[in-house]
Amino acid sequence: MKPTRIDQEKVEAYLAAGHWSRETMVDRYAAYARDFPDKIACRDWETEITWRQLDEATDRIAANLIARGIPRDGRALAQIPSSTREMVLRIAFKKAGILGCFAPMQWRRRELDYTCERIDPSAVFVSLDSMNDDQKTWLNEAVAGRSAPVLRVSVTPAPPEGWLSWSDLEGTLEYGDRRDQITERQFRFDEVSLITASSGTNSLAKLNEWPEAAQICIGRGTADRLGMREDEVIGMFAPMSGAAGVLVWVMSGTMPFTYTFPRTFEARALLQLVEDVKITVATTVPVILARLTGEDLAAFDLSSLRALRVGTGAASLDAARRIESLTDCRVVVASGAMECPGFGHAEFDEPAALRLDGSTGLPLPGCRLRVDDDDGTKLPAGEVGHVKVSAPFASLGYWNDPEATRAVWSDGWYTTGDMGVLDDGGRLTLLGRSSEVINRSGHKILPVEVEQEIAKHPDVFQCAVVAAPDAEYGEAPWAFVQVQEGKTFDSEGLVEILRAGGLATYKIPARFIELTEFPRVGGNKIDKKLLLEMAPAS
């Protein structure tokens, strides 16, 4: 289908500027299968497949989906572990002209119900072995209530009656060979070819519609910032259902990299995987970065690892600097939203003093960035305000939700919901979500500023500051803290350190609450709403 928020004139402008290309990821993968047939395209803990094998497998799956009656522009909901199968499935969907929506493994009934209602799927792909009884009950009820039959596929062996297995789709061509329909069915460069889910930190996840050319565009820009080469072995140390994973996967539309999927995101296992398969570039998220630095890095051969991209959140600079001090790896930070990634991205070749200066770098090529005050007036460099962005690699609205689309897109600009500041050189520093600013009796507090001060304490592993109701001040900051393993938490001592460090008295949290683990949205971002519910009565 054609995007809902872009016209042909804009498409032609993107093509003329070189931001968009008429080439698609399917075109690129076909070229790899021809030119690099025996090169490993992807591997996981069970299997590895070459570019030729991937091309053949995706042809068979696409043809079988077509044969089973999934219409062009039909939707498919997938909730499966990141693996070679997910990479295969994503391309098979593109070949068959089916819009895939990949849900995080952490999603449960509420999020899945919302997504099904929005996209009305013709097919669902799940890992039944990873689902609890409540999820299985929900799934059977949800697909039974659809207006048309829903194809149900499990990527785990021996599914129950009424379900297909992965091997059913990947194997023999059924109901005749429909591969001849792929050329006509596959998505064109200017069509929506993917639905991605934002994290849903403040509400239910938003479903973004992504044109094919926008995916190629962001992949090319990201690969350039990382200084990628054709022979890279990429470690997917973040799920592909989230921004940190999918935005590195779309780099495969630029060069025939080898993608490696871990069985677990446990830190020691990831470090061992780097040693075992000689990973050169990895993508991850801040919480996993922090866990990596808690391990004995010298116990692993990490000599192959040259770059670690950290996205979708404020990276710990202390953790990044520790990685760089103990290895030959450079940490490259990035910022963005699923709606519009890449509005800040450091560069591999930048010196550490600039690359790890607390900013998230410059926008990717073609991206326009501005910071506005509360009234929508553009602010000069150095002033804090609301971050807005416009880019050829942005999504083009929320699927089947025009009201939500209008709320954040206006005149080609997307309002990110972030507070930030631009320096004179155009580098962006993020200061937290505008919805999370704490108003303590008229004093505005940016949680990230307090979090950065608390995180300086060597015993603190991670922290989050949230606005809590306060009878006297309206709102007050509360701090939730997870300490390093084997350490104890001393809130009174921490308050004295914060005061001695010059933090204004009104910014010092009214309560400190110790946690053993933070609740997360999509396995990455801290769920700050749930934190307040978890707080014990004072």
Protein backbone atom coordinates (compact mmCIF):
# COMPACT_ATOMS: atom_id res chain seq x y z
CA MET A 1 0.00 0.00 0.00
CA LYS A 2 1.02 3.61 -0.50
CA PRO A 3 2.02 5.61 2.59
CA THR A 4 -0.74 7.77 4.05
CA ARG A 5 1.36 10.83 4.86
CA ILE A 6 3.49 11.49 1.77
CA ASP A 7 2.66 12.47 -1.81
CA GLN A 8 4.37 11.77 -5.13
CA GLU A 9 6.06 15.18 -5.14
CA LYS A 10 7.83 14.34 -1.87
CA VAL A 11 8.79 10.90 -3.19
CA GLU A 12 10.39 12.48 -6.24
CA ALA A 13 12.22 15.01 -4.04
CA TYR A 14 13.69 12.23 -1.90
CA LEU A 15 14.79 10.37 -5.04
CA ALA A 16 16.33 13.51 -6.57
CA ALA A 17 18.26 14.25 -3.37
CA GLY A 18 19.64 10.71 -3.27
CA HIS A 19 17.97 9.87 0.06
CA TRP A 20 15.65 7.30 -1.49
CA SER A 21 16.45 4.65 -4.08
CA ARG A 22 14.13 2.55 -6.23
CA GLU A 23 16.03 -0.53 -5.05
CA THR A 24 14.47 -2.66 -2.31
CA MET A 25 15.84 -5.04 0.30
CA VAL A 26 14.49 -7.93 -1.78
CA ASP A 27 16.51 -6.63 -4.74
CA ARG A 28 19.64 -6.40 -2.60
CA TYR A 29 19.23 -9.88 -1.12
CA ALA A 30 18.78 -11.33 -4.64
CA ALA A 31 22.06 -9.66 -5.66
CA TYR A 32 23.84 -11.16 -2.64
CA ALA A 33 22.49 -14.62 -3.50
CA ARG A 34 23.91 -14.20 -7.00
CA ASP A 35 27.26 -12.58 -6.12
CA PHE A 36 27.96 -14.14 -2.69
CA PRO A 37 26.02 -17.44 -2.80
CA ASP A 38 28.13 -19.34 -0.27
CA LYS A 39 28.75 -16.52 2.18
CA ILE A 40 27.00 -16.92 5.55
CA ALA A 41 24.03 -14.55 5.72
CA CYS A 42 22.95 -15.35 9.28
CA ARG A 43 23.51 -17.83 12.05
CA ASP A 44 22.05 -18.60 15.44
CA TRP A 45 22.48 -21.27 18.11
CA GLU A 46 20.88 -23.93 15.90
CA THR A 47 21.76 -23.23 12.30
CA GLU A 48 23.48 -21.02 9.76
CA ILE A 49 22.39 -20.25 6.22
CA THR A 50 24.09 -18.75 3.19
CA TRP A 51 22.74 -15.97 1.02
CA ARG A 52 21.72 -18.50 -1.64
CA GLN A 53 19.94 -20.67 0.94
CA LEU A 54 18.20 -17.61 2.37
CA ASP A 55 16.99 -16.60 -1.09
CA GLU A 56 15.62 -20.09 -1.75
CA ALA A 57 13.98 -20.40 1.70
CA THR A 58 12.28 -17.01 1.46
CA ASP A 59 10.97 -17.88 -2.01
CA ARG A 60 9.38 -21.07 -0.68
CA ILE A 61 7.84 -19.40 2.38
CA ALA A 62 6.52 -16.46 0.35
CA ALA A 63 5.03 -18.83 -2.23
CA ASN A 64 3.37 -20.97 0.45
CA LEU A 65 1.88 -17.91 2.16
CA ILE A 66 0.49 -16.76 -1.17
CA ALA A 67 -0.87 -20.24 -1.86
CA ARG A 68 -2.63 -20.30 1.51
CA GLY A 69 -4.59 -17.21 0.58
CA ILE A 70 -2.83 -14.40 2.45
CA PRO A 71 -3.75 -11.33 0.35
CA ARG A 72 -1.30 -8.70 -0.82
CA ASP A 73 -1.08 -6.01 1.85
CA GLY A 74 -2.42 -8.55 4.33
CA ARG A 75 -0.92 -8.27 7.80
CA ALA A 76 0.96 -10.84 9.84
CA LEU A 77 1.66 -10.61 13.57
CA ALA A 78 4.88 -12.33 14.65
CA GLN A 79 6.10 -12.86 18.20
CA ILE A 80 9.17 -15.06 17.94
CA PRO A 81 12.71 -14.98 19.39
CA SER A 82 15.25 -13.08 17.30
CA SER A 83 16.98 -15.69 15.17
CA THR A 84 17.76 -16.71 11.61
CA ARG A 85 14.07 -17.58 11.26
CA GLU A 86 13.07 -14.00 11.99
CA MET A 87 15.48 -12.71 9.33
CA VAL A 88 14.08 -15.25 6.85
CA LEU A 89 10.50 -14.38 7.75
CA ARG A 90 11.01 -10.64 7.35
CA ILE A 91 12.24 -11.07 3.77
CA ALA A 92 9.59 -13.68 2.92
CA PHE A 93 6.92 -11.18 3.99
CA LYS A 94 8.43 -8.52 1.72
CA LYS A 95 8.50 -10.96 -1.21
CA ALA A 96 4.88 -11.98 -0.66
CA GLY A 97 3.68 -8.39 -0.21
CA ILE A 98 2.62 -9.10 3.41
CA LEU A 99 3.04 -6.44 6.10
CA GLY A 100 4.82 -7.96 9.07
CA CYS A 101 4.43 -6.58 12.58
CA PHE A 102 7.01 -8.08 14.98
CA ALA A 103 5.99 -7.89 18.64
CA PRO A 104 8.48 -7.98 21.54
CA MET A 105 8.60 -11.28 23.38
CA GLN A 106 7.66 -9.44 26.60
CA TRP A 107 4.25 -8.41 25.27
CA ARG A 108 1.24 -10.01 26.90
CA ARG A 109 -2.52 -10.00 26.37
CA ARG A 110 -3.08 -6.23 26.67
CA GLU A 111 -0.50 -5.21 24.07
CA LEU A 112 -1.29 -8.10 21.74
CA ASP A 113 -5.03 -7.41 21.90
CA TYR A 114 -4.43 -3.80 20.93
CA THR A 115 -2.17 -4.77 18.04
CA CYS A 116 -4.57 -7.39 16.68
CA GLU A 117 -7.40 -4.89 16.78
CA ARG A 118 -5.32 -2.38 14.81
CA ILE A 119 -3.81 -4.60 12.13
CA ASP A 120 -6.48 -7.36 11.78
CA PRO A 121 -3.88 -10.05 10.96
CA SER A 122 -4.36 -12.73 8.32
CA ALA A 123 -1.59 -14.79 9.93
CA VAL A 124 0.15 -15.13 13.28
CA PHE A 125 3.63 -16.54 13.87
CA VAL A 126 4.56 -17.48 17.43
CA SER A 127 6.85 -19.72 19.43
CA LEU A 128 4.36 -21.85 21.35
CA ASP A 129 7.10 -23.16 23.64
CA SER A 130 7.73 -19.58 24.82
CA MET A 131 4.07 -18.79 25.57
CA ASN A 132 2.36 -19.30 28.92
CA ASP A 133 -1.16 -20.73 29.22
CA ASP A 134 -2.74 -17.28 29.40
CA GLN A 135 -1.06 -16.24 26.15
CA LYS A 136 -2.14 -19.43 24.40
CA THR A 137 -5.72 -18.95 25.56
CA TRP A 138 -5.64 -15.35 24.38
CA LEU A 139 -4.27 -16.35 21.00
CA ASN A 140 -6.94 -18.96 20.36
CA GLU A 141 -9.67 -16.52 21.41
CA ALA A 142 -8.20 -13.67 19.36
CA VAL A 143 -7.84 -15.57 16.10
CA ALA A 144 -11.25 -17.21 16.53
CA GLY A 145 -12.83 -13.77 16.68
CA ARG A 146 -11.37 -12.49 13.41
CA SER A 147 -13.65 -11.71 10.49
CA ALA A 148 -11.69 -14.12 8.24
CA PRO A 149 -9.70 -17.31 8.96
CA VAL A 150 -6.26 -16.68 10.45
CA LEU A 151 -3.27 -18.80 9.49
CA ARG A 152 -1.51 -19.96 12.67
CA VAL A 153 2.16 -20.92 12.51
CA SER A 154 4.45 -22.03 15.33
CA VAL A 155 8.21 -21.91 14.86
CA THR A 156 8.55 -24.67 17.46
CA PRO A 157 8.21 -28.35 16.45
CA ALA A 158 5.03 -30.45 16.64
CA PRO A 159 2.37 -27.75 16.96
CA PRO A 160 -1.18 -28.75 17.97
CA GLU A 161 -3.98 -29.50 15.53
CA GLY A 162 -4.96 -26.52 13.43
CA TRP A 163 -1.46 -25.07 13.44
CA LEU A 164 1.31 -25.16 10.85
CA SER A 165 4.92 -25.77 11.75
CA TRP A 166 7.85 -23.78 10.39
CA SER A 167 8.90 -26.80 8.34
CA ASP A 168 5.45 -26.89 6.70
CA LEU A 169 6.05 -23.42 5.27
CA GLU A 170 9.75 -23.77 4.55
CA GLY A 171 9.46 -27.17 2.93
CA THR A 172 7.44 -28.48 -0.01
CA LEU A 173 5.54 -25.99 -2.15
CA GLU A 174 1.84 -26.60 -1.54
CA TYR A 175 -1.20 -26.02 -3.75
CA GLY A 176 1.04 -25.49 -6.78
CA ASP A 177 4.15 -23.41 -7.26
CA ARG A 178 3.30 -19.73 -6.64
CA ARG A 179 6.87 -18.44 -6.88
CA ASP A 180 6.00 -16.88 -10.23
CA GLN A 181 3.74 -14.43 -8.35
CA ILE A 182 6.52 -13.04 -6.17
CA THR A 183 7.73 -10.48 -8.72
CA GLU A 184 4.28 -8.91 -8.90
CA ARG A 185 3.52 -9.24 -5.18
CA GLN A 186 6.75 -7.97 -3.61
CA PHE A 187 6.75 -4.46 -2.20
CA ARG A 188 7.98 -1.55 -4.29
CA PHE A 189 10.35 1.09 -2.96
CA ASP A 190 7.59 3.65 -2.28
CA GLU A 191 5.16 1.29 -0.53
CA VAL A 192 4.70 0.57 3.15
CA SER A 193 6.45 -2.77 3.71
CA LEU A 194 6.78 -3.03 7.50
CA ILE A 195 4.90 -2.15 10.68
CA THR A 196 7.13 -1.46 13.67
CA ALA A 197 6.01 -1.08 17.27
CA SER A 198 7.23 1.78 19.44
CA SER A 199 8.05 0.93 23.03
CA GLY A 200 4.80 2.14 24.52
CA THR A 201 6.53 3.62 27.57
CA ASN A 202 3.72 6.07 28.28
CA SER A 203 0.79 4.16 26.76
CA LEU A 204 0.03 1.23 24.51
CA ALA A 205 2.57 0.80 21.74
CA LYS A 206 2.11 2.81 18.56
CA LEU A 207 2.33 0.94 15.26
CA ASN A 208 4.44 2.78 12.69
CA GLU A 209 4.10 2.33 8.95
CA TRP A 210 7.46 2.19 7.18
CA PRO A 211 8.06 2.66 3.45
CA GLU A 212 10.64 0.33 1.95
CA ALA A 213 12.88 3.19 0.78
CA ALA A 214 12.96 4.69 4.28
CA GLN A 215 14.35 1.41 5.63
CA ILE A 216 17.09 1.37 2.99
CA CYS A 217 17.83 5.03 3.77
CA ILE A 218 18.28 4.57 7.53
CA GLY A 219 20.31 1.40 6.96
CA ARG A 220 22.71 3.21 4.64
CA GLY A 221 23.13 6.15 7.02
CA THR A 222 23.76 3.91 10.02
CA ALA A 223 26.28 1.78 8.13
CA ASP A 224 28.15 4.93 7.10
CA ARG A 225 28.40 6.23 10.68
CA LEU A 226 29.76 2.87 11.83
CA GLY A 227 32.30 2.72 9.00
CA MET A 228 30.93 -0.67 7.94
CA ARG A 229 32.80 -2.98 5.58
CA GLU A 230 31.50 -5.84 3.47
CA ASP A 231 33.11 -8.53 5.64
CA GLU A 232 31.56 -7.46 8.97
CA VAL A 233 30.23 -10.12 11.34
CA ILE A 234 27.42 -8.43 13.24
CA GLY A 235 26.29 -9.49 16.71
CA MET A 236 22.58 -8.83 17.30
CA PHE A 237 22.81 -8.20 21.02
CA ALA A 238 19.32 -6.68 21.11
CA PRO A 239 15.95 -8.07 19.89
CA MET A 240 14.99 -7.25 16.30
CA SER A 241 11.51 -6.28 17.48
CA GLY A 242 13.06 -3.16 19.02
CA ALA A 243 14.78 -0.18 17.43
CA ALA A 244 18.34 -1.14 18.39
CA GLY A 245 17.96 -4.47 16.59
CA VAL A 246 15.85 -3.66 13.55
CA LEU A 247 17.81 -0.51 12.66
CA VAL A 248 21.01 -2.54 12.45
CA TRP A 249 19.27 -5.32 10.54
CA VAL A 250 18.17 -2.90 7.79
CA MET A 251 21.87 -2.22 7.15
CA SER A 252 21.72 -5.54 5.30
CA GLY A 253 20.17 -3.52 2.49
CA THR A 254 23.59 -1.93 1.91
CA MET A 255 26.14 -4.77 2.09
CA PRO A 256 26.12 -8.57 2.58
CA PHE A 257 27.06 -8.68 6.25
CA THR A 258 26.89 -11.85 8.34
CA TYR A 259 24.34 -11.57 11.16
CA THR A 260 24.78 -13.58 14.36
CA PHE A 261 21.90 -14.10 16.81
CA PRO A 262 22.61 -15.16 20.42
CA ARG A 263 20.52 -17.69 22.26
CA THR A 264 20.46 -15.46 25.33
CA PHE A 265 21.30 -11.85 26.15
CA GLU A 266 23.18 -12.89 29.29
CA ALA A 267 26.44 -10.91 29.37
CA ARG A 268 28.93 -13.78 29.63
CA ALA A 269 27.24 -15.64 26.80
CA LEU A 270 27.48 -12.57 24.56
CA LEU A 271 31.16 -12.09 25.30
CA GLN A 272 31.81 -15.78 24.61
CA LEU A 273 29.97 -15.44 21.29
CA VAL A 274 32.25 -12.56 20.28
CA GLU A 275 35.23 -14.83 20.90
CA ASP A 276 33.73 -17.89 19.22
CA VAL A 277 32.58 -16.40 15.90
CA LYS A 278 34.83 -13.30 15.79
CA ILE A 279 32.09 -10.68 15.85
CA THR A 280 33.35 -7.32 14.57
CA VAL A 281 30.37 -5.03 15.22
CA ALA A 282 27.56 -5.50 17.73
CA THR A 283 24.36 -3.62 18.49
CA THR A 284 22.97 -3.44 21.99
CA VAL A 285 21.08 -1.32 24.52
CA PRO A 286 22.28 0.54 27.65
CA VAL A 287 21.23 -2.08 30.18
CA ILE A 288 23.16 -4.83 28.35
CA LEU A 289 26.15 -2.49 27.96
CA ALA A 290 26.19 -2.03 31.72
CA ARG A 291 26.01 -5.78 32.28
CA LEU A 292 28.89 -6.40 29.87
CA THR A 293 31.14 -4.07 31.82
CA GLY A 294 30.35 -5.97 35.01
CA GLU A 295 32.14 -9.04 33.61
CA ASP A 296 35.84 -9.84 33.56
CA LEU A 297 36.50 -8.65 30.01
CA ALA A 298 40.08 -9.86 30.11
CA ALA A 299 38.82 -13.44 30.37
CA PHE A 300 37.57 -13.32 26.75
CA ASP A 301 39.30 -12.81 23.43
CA LEU A 302 37.50 -9.67 22.19
CA SER A 303 40.18 -8.66 19.69
CA SER A 304 37.80 -8.99 16.72
CA LEU A 305 35.25 -6.51 18.15
CA ARG A 306 35.88 -3.04 16.75
CA ALA A 307 32.52 -1.29 17.35
CA LEU A 308 29.63 -1.54 19.78
CA ARG A 309 26.56 0.51 18.80
CA VAL A 310 24.37 1.49 21.76
CA GLY A 311 20.95 2.89 20.97
CA THR A 312 17.41 3.51 22.24
CA GLY A 313 18.41 5.05 25.53
CA ALA A 314 20.94 7.11 27.43
CA ALA A 315 24.11 5.06 27.51
CA SER A 316 26.23 5.02 30.63
CA LEU A 317 29.36 6.93 29.68
CA ASP A 318 31.27 5.28 32.51
CA ALA A 319 30.37 1.86 31.08
CA ALA A 320 31.32 2.97 27.57
CA ARG A 321 34.68 4.33 28.72
CA ARG A 322 35.40 1.15 30.66
CA ILE A 323 34.79 -0.95 27.53
CA GLU A 324 37.15 1.27 25.56
CA SER A 325 39.83 1.24 28.25
CA LEU A 326 39.91 -2.55 28.43
CA THR A 327 39.41 -3.47 24.76
CA ASP A 328 40.11 -2.18 21.26
CA CYS A 329 36.38 -1.67 20.74
CA ARG A 330 34.85 1.78 20.22
CA VAL A 331 31.40 2.54 21.62
CA VAL A 332 29.16 4.46 19.19
CA VAL A 333 26.05 5.98 20.76
CA ALA A 334 22.85 6.70 18.87
CA SER A 335 19.47 8.22 19.60
CA GLY A 336 16.11 8.21 17.96
CA ALA A 337 12.58 6.92 18.16
CA MET A 338 10.89 4.10 16.31
CA GLU A 339 8.86 6.83 14.61
CA CYS A 340 12.02 8.58 13.45
CA PRO A 341 15.40 7.03 14.26
CA GLY A 342 18.77 8.55 13.59
CA PHE A 343 18.24 12.10 14.82
CA GLY A 344 21.49 11.69 16.70
CA HIS A 345 24.30 9.27 15.88
CA ALA A 346 27.97 9.42 16.80
CA GLU A 347 30.60 8.46 14.23
CA PHE A 348 33.09 5.61 14.54
CA ASP A 349 36.05 7.77 13.47
CA GLU A 350 35.37 10.56 15.97
CA PRO A 351 37.81 10.85 18.89
CA ALA A 352 36.52 9.45 22.17
CA ALA A 353 36.38 12.91 23.71
CA LEU A 354 33.78 13.90 21.12
CA ARG A 355 32.10 10.53 20.60
CA LEU A 356 31.50 10.12 24.36
CA ASP A 357 30.86 13.75 25.27
CA GLY A 358 27.35 13.10 26.59
CA SER A 359 25.63 14.03 23.35
CA THR A 360 24.17 11.55 20.88
CA GLY A 361 26.03 13.03 17.93
CA LEU A 362 24.85 14.66 14.72
CA PRO A 363 21.70 13.71 12.80
CA LEU A 364 22.06 11.24 9.93
CA PRO A 365 22.16 12.72 6.39
CA GLY A 366 18.90 14.28 5.24
CA CYS A 367 17.61 14.75 8.79
CA ARG A 368 16.46 18.17 10.00
CA LEU A 369 16.45 18.79 13.73
CA ARG A 370 15.11 21.62 15.86
CA VAL A 371 14.44 22.42 19.50
CA ASP A 372 11.30 24.46 20.30
CA ASP A 373 9.95 26.19 23.38
CA ASP A 374 6.54 25.37 24.86
CA ASP A 375 4.85 27.65 22.29
CA GLY A 376 6.48 26.00 19.29
CA THR A 377 9.05 28.74 18.66
CA LYS A 378 12.46 27.54 17.51
CA LEU A 379 15.14 28.02 20.16
CA PRO A 380 18.78 28.93 19.57
CA ALA A 381 21.65 26.58 20.32
CA GLY A 382 22.30 26.03 24.00
CA GLU A 383 18.66 26.33 25.17
CA VAL A 384 16.62 23.38 26.42
CA GLY A 385 13.35 22.61 24.70
CA HIS A 386 11.21 20.09 22.84
CA VAL A 387 12.99 18.04 20.16
CA LYS A 388 11.37 17.90 16.70
CA VAL A 389 12.66 16.09 13.65
CA SER A 390 11.98 15.62 9.94
CA ALA A 391 13.79 12.99 7.88
CA PRO A 392 13.52 10.85 4.74
CA PHE A 393 13.99 7.76 6.92
CA ALA A 394 11.11 8.51 9.28
CA SER A 395 8.05 6.34 9.50
CA LEU A 396 5.02 7.92 7.87
CA GLY A 397 2.40 7.73 10.57
CA TYR A 398 0.68 5.28 12.88
CA TRP A 399 -1.08 2.34 11.27
CA ASN A 400 -4.87 2.73 11.31
CA ASP A 401 -4.67 5.62 13.81
CA PRO A 402 -5.04 9.03 12.11
CA GLU A 403 -5.81 10.81 15.38
CA ALA A 404 -2.56 9.69 17.02
CA THR A 405 -0.69 10.54 13.81
CA ARG A 406 -2.02 14.11 13.77
CA ALA A 407 -1.10 14.52 17.44
CA VAL A 408 2.66 14.19 16.81
CA TRP A 409 3.19 14.98 13.10
CA SER A 410 2.64 18.51 11.81
CA ASP A 411 3.94 20.20 8.63
CA GLY A 412 6.39 17.37 8.07
CA TRP A 413 7.82 17.54 11.61
CA TYR A 414 7.59 14.80 14.21
CA THR A 415 7.44 15.86 17.85
CA THR A 416 9.58 13.27 19.63
CA GLY A 417 8.42 13.92 23.18
CA ASP A 418 12.06 14.38 24.23
CA MET A 419 13.63 17.37 25.91
CA GLY A 420 17.03 18.26 24.52
CA VAL A 421 19.59 20.88 23.61
CA LEU A 422 21.66 21.48 20.47
CA ASP A 423 25.20 22.84 20.64
CA ASP A 424 26.67 25.28 18.14
CA GLY A 425 27.86 22.39 15.97
CA GLY A 426 24.40 20.77 15.80
CA ARG A 427 25.09 17.87 18.18
CA LEU A 428 22.09 16.81 20.23
CA THR A 429 22.05 16.09 23.94
CA LEU A 430 18.87 14.47 25.25
CA LEU A 431 17.59 15.42 28.69
CA GLY A 432 14.67 13.09 29.17
CA ARG A 433 11.03 12.85 28.16
CA SER A 434 8.93 16.01 28.34
CA SER A 435 6.17 13.99 30.01
CA GLU A 436 8.61 13.03 32.78
CA VAL A 437 9.65 16.57 33.80
CA ILE A 438 8.98 16.97 37.52
CA ASN A 439 7.28 20.16 38.73
CA ARG A 440 8.20 20.58 42.38
CA SER A 441 6.28 23.64 43.54
CA GLY A 442 7.16 25.50 40.33
CA HIS A 443 10.74 24.23 40.09
CA LYS A 444 11.22 22.12 36.95
CA ILE A 445 13.44 19.05 37.37
CA LEU A 446 14.78 16.97 34.49
CA PRO A 447 15.04 13.38 35.83
CA VAL A 448 18.05 12.58 33.64
CA GLU A 449 20.10 15.29 35.36
CA VAL A 450 19.49 13.70 38.77
CA GLU A 451 20.00 10.18 37.36
CA GLN A 452 23.39 11.15 35.97
CA GLU A 453 24.52 12.40 39.37
CA ILE A 454 23.31 9.29 41.20
CA ALA A 455 24.92 7.03 38.57
CA LYS A 456 28.34 8.54 39.34
CA HIS A 457 28.40 6.61 42.61
CA PRO A 458 30.55 3.49 42.08
CA ASP A 459 28.12 1.24 43.96
CA VAL A 460 25.15 2.14 41.72
CA PHE A 461 24.45 -0.18 38.79
CA GLN A 462 21.40 1.65 37.45
CA CYS A 463 18.87 4.21 38.62
CA ALA A 464 15.67 5.96 37.56
CA VAL A 465 14.07 9.13 38.88
CA VAL A 466 10.31 9.65 38.55
CA ALA A 467 7.68 12.21 39.54
CA ALA A 468 5.68 11.12 42.57
CA PRO A 469 2.59 12.87 44.01
CA ASP A 470 3.44 15.08 46.96
CA ALA A 471 0.88 16.71 49.27
CA GLU A 472 3.07 19.75 49.98
CA TYR A 473 4.89 20.37 46.66
CA GLY A 474 2.52 18.83 44.11
CA GLU A 475 5.27 16.57 42.78
CA ALA A 476 8.59 15.37 44.17
CA PRO A 477 11.37 13.24 42.68
CA TRP A 478 11.71 9.66 43.84
CA ALA A 479 14.82 7.65 42.98
CA PHE A 480 14.80 3.92 42.31
CA VAL A 481 18.26 2.38 42.57
CA GLN A 482 19.80 -0.97 41.68
CA VAL A 483 23.23 -1.40 43.27
CA GLN A 484 26.21 -3.31 41.95
CA GLU A 485 26.32 -6.99 42.89
CA GLY A 486 27.76 -7.46 46.37
CA LYS A 487 27.29 -3.80 47.37
CA THR A 488 24.91 -2.29 49.93
CA PHE A 489 22.82 0.84 49.52
CA ASP A 490 23.28 3.85 51.81
CA SER A 491 20.68 6.48 50.91
CA GLU A 492 21.80 8.98 53.55
CA GLY A 493 25.38 8.79 52.36
CA LEU A 494 24.23 9.24 48.77
CA VAL A 495 22.26 12.38 49.69
CA GLU A 496 25.38 13.88 51.23
CA ILE A 497 27.37 13.08 48.09
CA LEU A 498 24.69 14.72 45.91
CA ARG A 499 24.73 17.85 48.06
CA ALA A 500 28.51 18.01 48.06
CA GLY A 501 28.46 17.64 44.27
CA GLY A 502 26.40 20.81 43.95
CA LEU A 503 22.99 19.34 43.09
CA ALA A 504 20.29 21.84 44.05
CA THR A 505 18.40 20.89 47.18
CA TYR A 506 15.01 20.80 45.43
CA LYS A 507 16.40 18.27 42.93
CA ILE A 508 17.48 15.77 45.59
CA PRO A 509 14.99 12.88 45.64
CA ALA A 510 12.51 12.80 48.51
CA ARG A 511 12.72 8.99 48.60
CA PHE A 512 15.27 6.38 47.58
CA ILE A 513 13.92 2.91 46.85
CA GLU A 514 16.24 -0.04 46.25
CA LEU A 515 15.33 -2.62 43.59
CA THR A 516 16.98 -5.86 42.59
CA GLU A 517 15.79 -5.47 38.96
CA PHE A 518 13.97 -2.80 36.96
CA PRO A 519 10.70 -3.49 35.13
CA ARG A 520 11.15 -2.87 31.42
CA VAL A 521 9.17 -2.16 28.30
CA GLY A 522 10.20 -4.38 25.39
CA GLY A 523 13.15 -5.69 27.40
CA ASN A 524 14.96 -2.36 27.24
CA LYS A 525 13.45 0.90 28.47
CA ILE A 526 12.63 1.20 32.15
CA ASP A 527 8.88 1.19 32.78
CA LYS A 528 8.68 4.30 34.96
CA LYS A 529 4.91 4.09 35.37
CA LEU A 530 5.21 0.66 36.93
CA LEU A 531 7.97 1.86 39.25
CA LEU A 532 5.57 4.02 41.23
CA GLU A 533 3.19 1.08 41.60
CA MET A 534 6.05 -1.05 42.92
CA ALA A 535 7.09 1.46 45.57
CA PRO A 536 6.34 0.31 49.13
CA ALA A 537 4.16 2.54 51.28
CA SER A 538 6.24 5.18 53.04
